[in-house]
């Protein structure tokens, strides 16, 4: 789902602080973290639903890999510059 929203004032400052403080890399990531925390606190999506969504995502990733839309890296390639 792609959504465009306008955030100003206090909410904008909170997102900026989350990024500047290193809690999130981007404001979008900070928003995602907030949505996940809503679920953790209020149990809006039950675990079985979360698991089902995770399985569907993994199936999409597997399909993308088979169709060469995504590429898997071996350990040496992925970690090469960090070793």
PDB file of N, CA and C in Angstrom:
ATOM      1  N   UNK A   1       0.848  -1.165   0.000  1.00  0.00           N
ATOM      2  CA  UNK A   1       0.000   0.000   0.000  1.00  0.00           C
ATOM      3  C   UNK A   1       0.898   1.233   0.000  1.00  0.00           C
ATOM      4  N   UNK A   2       0.624   2.140  -0.889  1.00  0.00           N
ATOM      5  CA  UNK A   2       1.337   3.414  -0.927  1.00  0.00           C
ATOM      6  C   UNK A   2       0.375   4.494  -0.465  1.00  0.00           C
ATOM      7  N   UNK A   3       0.811   5.287   0.494  1.00  0.00           N
ATOM      8  CA  UNK A   3      -0.015   6.347   1.047  1.00  0.00           C
ATOM      9  C   UNK A   3       0.814   7.616   1.160  1.00  0.00           C
ATOM     10  N   UNK A   4       0.216   8.724   0.823  1.00  0.00           N
ATOM     11  CA  UNK A   4       0.879  10.010   0.985  1.00  0.00           C
ATOM     12  C   UNK A   4       0.138  10.782   2.071  1.00  0.00           C
ATOM     13  N   UNK A   5       0.879  11.248   3.060  1.00  0.00           N
ATOM     14  CA  UNK A   5       0.273  12.024   4.139  1.00  0.00           C
ATOM     15  C   UNK A   5       1.125  13.256   4.413  1.00  0.00           C
ATOM     16  N   UNK A   6       0.506  14.249   4.972  1.00  0.00           N
ATOM     17  CA  UNK A   6       1.232  15.459   5.369  1.00  0.00           C
ATOM     18  C   UNK A   6       1.311  15.469   6.894  1.00  0.00           C
ATOM     19  N   UNK A   7       2.520  15.563   7.403  1.00  0.00           N
ATOM     20  CA  UNK A   7       2.729  15.579   8.845  1.00  0.00           C
ATOM     21  C   UNK A   7       3.455  16.871   9.195  1.00  0.00           C
ATOM     22  N   UNK A   8       2.883  17.608  10.144  1.00  0.00           N
ATOM     23  CA  UNK A   8       3.472  18.883  10.547  1.00  0.00           C
ATOM     24  C   UNK A   8       3.476  18.972  12.070  1.00  0.00           C
ATOM     25  N   UNK A   9       4.090  20.004  12.556  1.00  0.00           N
ATOM     26  CA  UNK A   9       4.058  20.300  13.985  1.00  0.00           C
ATOM     27  C   UNK A   9       4.766  19.267  14.839  1.00  0.00           C
ATOM     28  N   UNK A  10       4.145  18.934  15.942  1.00  0.00           N
ATOM     29  CA  UNK A  10       4.737  18.035  16.926  1.00  0.00           C
ATOM     30  C   UNK A  10       5.062  16.665  16.326  1.00  0.00           C
ATOM     31  N   UNK A  11       4.147  16.130  15.520  1.00  0.00           N
ATOM     32  CA  UNK A  11       4.395  14.819  14.918  1.00  0.00           C
ATOM     33  C   UNK A  11       5.628  14.849  14.016  1.00  0.00           C
ATOM     34  N   UNK A  12       5.776  15.918  13.264  1.00  0.00           N
ATOM     35  CA  UNK A  12       6.951  16.061  12.407  1.00  0.00           C
ATOM     36  C   UNK A  12       8.224  16.130  13.252  1.00  0.00           C
ATOM     37  N   UNK A  13       8.175  16.868  14.340  1.00  0.00           N
ATOM     38  CA  UNK A  13       9.344  16.983  15.219  1.00  0.00           C
ATOM     39  C   UNK A  13       9.714  15.634  15.818  1.00  0.00           C
ATOM     40  N   UNK A  14       8.710  14.857  16.194  1.00  0.00           N
ATOM     41  CA  UNK A  14       8.979  13.526  16.762  1.00  0.00           C
ATOM     42  C   UNK A  14       9.687  12.652  15.731  1.00  0.00           C
ATOM     43  N   UNK A  15       9.194  12.672  14.491  1.00  0.00           N
ATOM     44  CA  UNK A  15       9.825  11.875  13.435  1.00  0.00           C
ATOM     45  C   UNK A  15      11.261  12.330  13.193  1.00  0.00           C
ATOM     46  N   UNK A  16      11.486  13.627  13.165  1.00  0.00           N
ATOM     47  CA  UNK A  16      12.835  14.156  12.962  1.00  0.00           C
ATOM     48  C   UNK A  16      13.760  13.744  14.099  1.00  0.00           C
ATOM     49  N   UNK A  17      13.271  13.786  15.318  1.00  0.00           N
ATOM     50  CA  UNK A  17      14.081  13.374  16.474  1.00  0.00           C
ATOM     51  C   UNK A  17      14.417  11.885  16.410  1.00  0.00           C
ATOM     52  N   UNK A  18      13.460  11.079  15.949  1.00  0.00           N
ATOM     53  CA  UNK A  18      13.709   9.639  15.823  1.00  0.00           C
ATOM     54  C   UNK A  18      14.840   9.371  14.837  1.00  0.00           C
ATOM     55  N   UNK A  19      14.862  10.131  13.756  1.00  0.00           N
ATOM     56  CA  UNK A  19      15.925   9.975  12.751  1.00  0.00           C
ATOM     57  C   UNK A  19      17.242  10.531  13.276  1.00  0.00           C
ATOM     58  N   UNK A  20      17.211  11.739  13.793  1.00  0.00           N
ATOM     59  CA  UNK A  20      18.439  12.369  14.296  1.00  0.00           C
ATOM     60  C   UNK A  20      19.033  11.592  15.468  1.00  0.00           C
ATOM     61  N   UNK A  21      18.177  10.978  16.267  1.00  0.00           N
ATOM     62  CA  UNK A  21      18.641  10.199  17.415  1.00  0.00           C
ATOM     63  C   UNK A  21      19.087   8.789  17.064  1.00  0.00           C
ATOM     64  N   UNK A  22      18.954   8.428  15.777  1.00  0.00           N
ATOM     65  CA  UNK A  22      19.416   7.119  15.336  1.00  0.00           C
ATOM     66  C   UNK A  22      18.439   5.983  15.585  1.00  0.00           C
ATOM     67  N   UNK A  23      17.223   6.291  16.001  1.00  0.00           N
ATOM     68  CA  UNK A  23      16.238   5.228  16.208  1.00  0.00           C
ATOM     69  C   UNK A  23      15.741   4.668  14.885  1.00  0.00           C
ATOM     70  N   UNK A  24      15.698   5.507  13.867  1.00  0.00           N
ATOM     71  CA  UNK A  24      15.248   5.101  12.535  1.00  0.00           C
ATOM     72  C   UNK A  24      16.143   5.781  11.509  1.00  0.00           C
ATOM     73  N   UNK A  25      16.281   5.151  10.348  1.00  0.00           N
ATOM     74  CA  UNK A  25      17.105   5.743   9.300  1.00  0.00           C
ATOM     75  C   UNK A  25      16.360   6.855   8.563  1.00  0.00           C
ATOM     76  N   UNK A  26      15.043   6.698   8.465  1.00  0.00           N
ATOM     77  CA  UNK A  26      14.227   7.681   7.759  1.00  0.00           C
ATOM     78  C   UNK A  26      12.943   7.945   8.541  1.00  0.00           C
ATOM     79  N   UNK A  27      12.250   9.013   8.162  1.00  0.00           N
ATOM     80  CA  UNK A  27      10.961   9.297   8.790  1.00  0.00           C
ATOM     81  C   UNK A  27       9.953   8.195   8.457  1.00  0.00           C
ATOM     82  N   UNK A  28      10.045   7.661   7.250  1.00  0.00           N
ATOM     83  CA  UNK A  28       9.145   6.568   6.859  1.00  0.00           C
ATOM     84  C   UNK A  28       9.359   5.359   7.752  1.00  0.00           C
ATOM     85  N   UNK A  29      10.615   5.035   8.014  1.00  0.00           N
ATOM     86  CA  UNK A  29      10.915   3.910   8.896  1.00  0.00           C
ATOM     87  C   UNK A  29      10.386   4.180  10.304  1.00  0.00           C
ATOM     88  N   UNK A  30      10.494   5.413  10.766  1.00  0.00           N
ATOM     89  CA  UNK A  30       9.968   5.769  12.087  1.00  0.00           C
ATOM     90  C   UNK A  30       8.456   5.584  12.132  1.00  0.00           C
ATOM     91  N   UNK A  31       7.775   5.950  11.047  1.00  0.00           N
ATOM     92  CA  UNK A  31       6.325   5.732  10.978  1.00  0.00           C
ATOM     93  C   UNK A  31       5.991   4.252  11.036  1.00  0.00           C
ATOM     94  N   UNK A  32       6.745   3.441  10.301  1.00  0.00           N
ATOM     95  CA  UNK A  32       6.511   1.986  10.330  1.00  0.00           C
ATOM     96  C   UNK A  32       6.697   1.447  11.746  1.00  0.00           C
ATOM     97  N   UNK A  33       7.728   1.929  12.413  1.00  0.00           N
ATOM     98  CA  UNK A  33       7.965   1.490  13.793  1.00  0.00           C
ATOM     99  C   UNK A  33       6.774   1.854  14.677  1.00  0.00           C
ATOM    100  N   UNK A  34       6.216   3.037  14.457  1.00  0.00           N
ATOM    101  CA  UNK A  34       5.065   3.466  15.234  1.00  0.00           C
ATOM    102  C   UNK A  34       3.847   2.588  14.993  1.00  0.00           C
ATOM    103  N   UNK A  35       3.620   2.215  13.745  1.00  0.00           N
ATOM    104  CA  UNK A  35       2.483   1.345  13.418  1.00  0.00           C
ATOM    105  C   UNK A  35       2.670  -0.021  14.076  1.00  0.00           C
ATOM    106  N   UNK A  36       3.888  -0.556  14.024  1.00  0.00           N
ATOM    107  CA  UNK A  36       4.147  -1.846  14.672  1.00  0.00           C
ATOM    108  C   UNK A  36       3.949  -1.758  16.182  1.00  0.00           C
ATOM    109  N   UNK A  37       4.334  -0.638  16.761  1.00  0.00           N
ATOM    110  CA  UNK A  37       4.140  -0.464  18.198  1.00  0.00           C
ATOM    111  C   UNK A  37       2.657  -0.384  18.549  1.00  0.00           C
ATOM    112  N   UNK A  38       1.864   0.229  17.678  1.00  0.00           N
ATOM    113  CA  UNK A  38       0.405   0.221  17.880  1.00  0.00           C
ATOM    114  C   UNK A  38      -0.114  -1.208  17.969  1.00  0.00           C
ATOM    115  N   UNK A  39       0.376  -2.046  17.073  1.00  0.00           N
ATOM    116  CA  UNK A  39      -0.065  -3.443  17.101  1.00  0.00           C
ATOM    117  C   UNK A  39       0.430  -4.154  18.355  1.00  0.00           C
ATOM    118  N   UNK A  40       1.654  -3.889  18.744  1.00  0.00           N
ATOM    119  CA  UNK A  40       2.181  -4.524  19.956  1.00  0.00           C
ATOM    120  C   UNK A  40       1.365  -4.130  21.182  1.00  0.00           C
ATOM    121  N   UNK A  41       0.956  -2.896  21.241  1.00  0.00           N
ATOM    122  CA  UNK A  41       0.224  -2.413  22.414  1.00  0.00           C
ATOM    123  C   UNK A  41      -1.246  -2.832  22.416  1.00  0.00           C
ATOM    124  N   UNK A  42      -1.900  -2.755  21.250  1.00  0.00           N
ATOM    125  CA  UNK A  42      -3.345  -2.975  21.200  1.00  0.00           C
ATOM    126  C   UNK A  42      -3.763  -4.280  20.520  1.00  0.00           C
ATOM    127  N   UNK A  43      -2.799  -5.065  20.071  1.00  0.00           N
ATOM    128  CA  UNK A  43      -3.080  -6.379  19.461  1.00  0.00           C
ATOM    129  C   UNK A  43      -4.125  -6.263  18.350  1.00  0.00           C
ATOM    130  N   UNK A  44      -3.890  -5.336  17.449  1.00  0.00           N
ATOM    131  CA  UNK A  44      -4.810  -5.105  16.341  1.00  0.00           C
ATOM    132  C   UNK A  44      -4.762  -6.240  15.324  1.00  0.00           C
ATOM    133  N   UNK A  45      -3.613  -6.850  15.193  1.00  0.00           N
ATOM    134  CA  UNK A  45      -3.424  -7.956  14.270  1.00  0.00           C
ATOM    135  C   UNK A  45      -2.880  -9.117  15.085  1.00  0.00           C
ATOM    136  N   UNK A  46      -3.626 -10.186  15.148  1.00  0.00           N
ATOM    137  CA  UNK A  46      -3.217 -11.333  15.959  1.00  0.00           C
ATOM    138  C   UNK A  46      -1.989 -12.008  15.356  1.00  0.00           C
ATOM    139  N   UNK A  47      -1.258 -12.724  16.184  1.00  0.00           N
ATOM    140  CA  UNK A  47      -0.024 -13.385  15.750  1.00  0.00           C
ATOM    141  C   UNK A  47      -0.248 -14.273  14.534  1.00  0.00           C
ATOM    142  N   UNK A  48      -1.331 -15.022  14.519  1.00  0.00           N
ATOM    143  CA  UNK A  48      -1.557 -15.929  13.388  1.00  0.00           C
ATOM    144  C   UNK A  48      -1.690 -15.132  12.090  1.00  0.00           C
ATOM    145  N   UNK A  49      -2.307 -13.945  12.166  1.00  0.00           N
ATOM    146  CA  UNK A  49      -2.418 -13.098  10.986  1.00  0.00           C
ATOM    147  C   UNK A  49      -1.043 -12.565  10.587  1.00  0.00           C
ATOM    148  N   UNK A  50      -0.244 -12.189  11.571  1.00  0.00           N
ATOM    149  CA  UNK A  50       1.120 -11.719  11.287  1.00  0.00           C
ATOM    150  C   UNK A  50       1.923 -12.830  10.621  1.00  0.00           C
ATOM    151  N   UNK A  51       1.805 -14.035  11.156  1.00  0.00           N
ATOM    152  CA  UNK A  51       2.523 -15.174  10.586  1.00  0.00           C
ATOM    153  C   UNK A  51       2.078 -15.433   9.150  1.00  0.00           C
ATOM    154  N   UNK A  52       0.773 -15.343   8.913  1.00  0.00           N
ATOM    155  CA  UNK A  52       0.243 -15.558   7.566  1.00  0.00           C
ATOM    156  C   UNK A  52       0.794 -14.511   6.600  1.00  0.00           C
ATOM    157  N   UNK A  53       0.844 -13.257   7.044  1.00  0.00           N
ATOM    158  CA  UNK A  53       1.399 -12.196   6.202  1.00  0.00           C
ATOM    159  C   UNK A  53       2.883 -12.428   5.927  1.00  0.00           C
ATOM    160  N   UNK A  54       3.609 -12.894   6.936  1.00  0.00           N
ATOM    161  CA  UNK A  54       5.041 -13.170   6.754  1.00  0.00           C
ATOM    162  C   UNK A  54       5.243 -14.288   5.736  1.00  0.00           C
ATOM    163  N   UNK A  55       4.413 -15.324   5.815  1.00  0.00           N
ATOM    164  CA  UNK A  55       4.514 -16.435   4.855  1.00  0.00           C
ATOM    165  C   UNK A  55       4.229 -15.934   3.446  1.00  0.00           C
ATOM    166  N   UNK A  56       3.198 -15.116   3.287  1.00  0.00           N
ATOM    167  CA  UNK A  56       2.874 -14.573   1.964  1.00  0.00           C
ATOM    168  C   UNK A  56       4.032 -13.741   1.417  1.00  0.00           C
ATOM    169  N   UNK A  57       4.652 -12.940   2.282  1.00  0.00           N
ATOM    170  CA  UNK A  57       5.789 -12.124   1.849  1.00  0.00           C
ATOM    171  C   UNK A  57       6.944 -13.015   1.403  1.00  0.00           C
ATOM    172  N   UNK A  58       7.223 -14.057   2.177  1.00  0.00           N
ATOM    173  CA  UNK A  58       8.306 -14.975   1.809  1.00  0.00           C
ATOM    174  C   UNK A  58       8.000 -15.665   0.484  1.00  0.00           C
ATOM    175  N   UNK A  59       6.753 -16.012   0.253  1.00  0.00           N
ATOM    176  CA  UNK A  59       6.373 -16.637  -1.014  1.00  0.00           C
ATOM    177  C   UNK A  59       6.582 -15.666  -2.174  1.00  0.00           C
ATOM    178  N   UNK A  60       6.244 -14.388  -1.959  1.00  0.00           N
ATOM    179  CA  UNK A  60       6.479 -13.384  -3.011  1.00  0.00           C
ATOM    180  C   UNK A  60       7.977 -13.223  -3.287  1.00  0.00           C
ATOM    181  N   UNK A  61       8.771 -13.208  -2.221  1.00  0.00           N
ATOM    182  CA  UNK A  61      10.224 -13.090  -2.395  1.00  0.00           C
ATOM    183  C   UNK A  61      10.784 -14.286  -3.144  1.00  0.00           C
ATOM    184  N   UNK A  62      10.326 -15.489  -2.781  1.00  0.00           N
ATOM    185  CA  UNK A  62      10.778 -16.696  -3.480  1.00  0.00           C
ATOM    186  C   UNK A  62      10.426 -16.628  -4.962  1.00  0.00           C
ATOM    187  N   UNK A  63       9.210 -16.174  -5.261  1.00  0.00           N
ATOM    188  CA  UNK A  63       8.778 -16.046  -6.654  1.00  0.00           C
ATOM    189  C   UNK A  63       9.656 -15.030  -7.384  1.00  0.00           C
ATOM    190  N   UNK A  64       9.929 -13.897  -6.754  1.00  0.00           N
ATOM    191  CA  UNK A  64      10.794 -12.883  -7.367  1.00  0.00           C
ATOM    192  C   UNK A  64      12.183 -13.437  -7.647  1.00  0.00           C
ATOM    193  N   UNK A  65      12.704 -14.250  -6.741  1.00  0.00           N
ATOM    194  CA  UNK A  65      14.033 -14.839  -6.934  1.00  0.00           C
ATOM    195  C   UNK A  65      14.002 -15.806  -8.110  1.00  0.00           C
ATOM    196  N   UNK A  66      12.973 -16.655  -8.159  1.00  0.00           N
ATOM    197  CA  UNK A  66      12.848 -17.592  -9.278  1.00  0.00           C
ATOM    198  C   UNK A  66      12.743 -16.864 -10.611  1.00  0.00           C
ATOM    199  N   UNK A  67      12.035 -15.736 -10.620  1.00  0.00           N
ATOM    200  CA  UNK A  67      11.838 -14.969 -11.843  1.00  0.00           C
ATOM    201  C   UNK A  67      12.974 -13.977 -12.098  1.00  0.00           C
ATOM    202  N   UNK A  68      14.029 -14.083 -11.291  1.00  0.00           N
ATOM    203  CA  UNK A  68      15.223 -13.238 -11.434  1.00  0.00           C
ATOM    204  C   UNK A  68      14.936 -11.748 -11.247  1.00  0.00           C
ATOM    205  N   UNK A  69      13.894 -11.429 -10.482  1.00  0.00           N
ATOM    206  CA  UNK A  69      13.596 -10.038 -10.148  1.00  0.00           C
ATOM    207  C   UNK A  69      14.363  -9.615  -8.907  1.00  0.00           C
ATOM    208  N   UNK A  70      14.835 -10.602  -8.140  1.00  0.00           N
ATOM    209  CA  UNK A  70      15.659 -10.359  -6.958  1.00  0.00           C
ATOM    210  C   UNK A  70      16.855 -11.299  -7.027  1.00  0.00           C
ATOM    211  N   UNK A  71      17.915 -10.889  -6.386  1.00  0.00           N
ATOM    212  CA  UNK A  71      19.143 -11.668  -6.440  1.00  0.00           C
ATOM    213  C   UNK A  71      19.598 -11.986  -5.017  1.00  0.00           C
ATOM    214  N   UNK A  72      19.950 -13.221  -4.781  1.00  0.00           N
ATOM    215  CA  UNK A  72      20.505 -13.618  -3.494  1.00  0.00           C
ATOM    216  C   UNK A  72      22.019 -13.464  -3.544  1.00  0.00           C
ATOM    217  N   UNK A  73      22.589 -13.014  -2.461  1.00  0.00           N
ATOM    218  CA  UNK A  73      24.040 -12.877  -2.373  1.00  0.00           C
ATOM    219  C   UNK A  73      24.589 -13.953  -1.455  1.00  0.00           C
ATOM    220  N   UNK A  74      25.760 -14.484  -1.808  1.00  0.00           N
ATOM    221  CA  UNK A  74      26.400 -15.417  -0.889  1.00  0.00           C
ATOM    222  C   UNK A  74      27.027 -14.614   0.250  1.00  0.00           C
ATOM    223  N   UNK A  75      27.415 -15.302   1.285  1.00  0.00           N
ATOM    224  CA  UNK A  75      27.926 -14.639   2.486  1.00  0.00           C
ATOM    225  C   UNK A  75      29.131 -13.752   2.188  1.00  0.00           C
ATOM    226  N   UNK A  76      30.069 -14.244   1.385  1.00  0.00           N
ATOM    227  CA  UNK A  76      31.269 -13.469   1.091  1.00  0.00           C
ATOM    228  C   UNK A  76      30.952 -12.169   0.359  1.00  0.00           C
ATOM    229  N   UNK A  77      30.017 -12.237  -0.596  1.00  0.00           N
ATOM    230  CA  UNK A  77      29.638 -11.043  -1.349  1.00  0.00           C
ATOM    231  C   UNK A  77      28.913 -10.056  -0.448  1.00  0.00           C
ATOM    232  N   UNK A  78      27.988 -10.564   0.362  1.00  0.00           N
ATOM    233  CA  UNK A  78      27.193  -9.692   1.236  1.00  0.00           C
ATOM    234  C   UNK A  78      28.050  -9.008   2.298  1.00  0.00           C
ATOM    235  N   UNK A  79      29.017  -9.711   2.837  1.00  0.00           N
ATOM    236  CA  UNK A  79      29.810  -9.166   3.934  1.00  0.00           C
ATOM    237  C   UNK A  79      31.206  -8.707   3.518  1.00  0.00           C
ATOM    238  N   UNK A  80      31.511  -8.845   2.228  1.00  0.00           N
ATOM    239  CA  UNK A  80      32.843  -8.573   1.725  1.00  0.00           C
ATOM    240  C   UNK A  80      33.517  -7.320   2.240  1.00  0.00           C
ATOM    241  N   UNK A  81      32.874  -6.178   2.122  1.00  0.00           N
ATOM    242  CA  UNK A  81      33.537  -4.940   2.530  1.00  0.00           C
ATOM    243  C   UNK A  81      33.590  -4.760   4.050  1.00  0.00           C
ATOM    244  N   UNK A  82      32.891  -5.598   4.804  1.00  0.00           N
ATOM    245  CA  UNK A  82      32.878  -5.488   6.254  1.00  0.00           C
ATOM    246  C   UNK A  82      33.884  -6.423   6.923  1.00  0.00           C
ATOM    247  N   UNK A  83      34.514  -7.247   6.128  1.00  0.00           N
ATOM    248  CA  UNK A  83      35.479  -8.201   6.694  1.00  0.00           C
ATOM    249  C   UNK A  83      36.878  -7.647   6.675  1.00  0.00           C
TER     250      UNK A  83
END
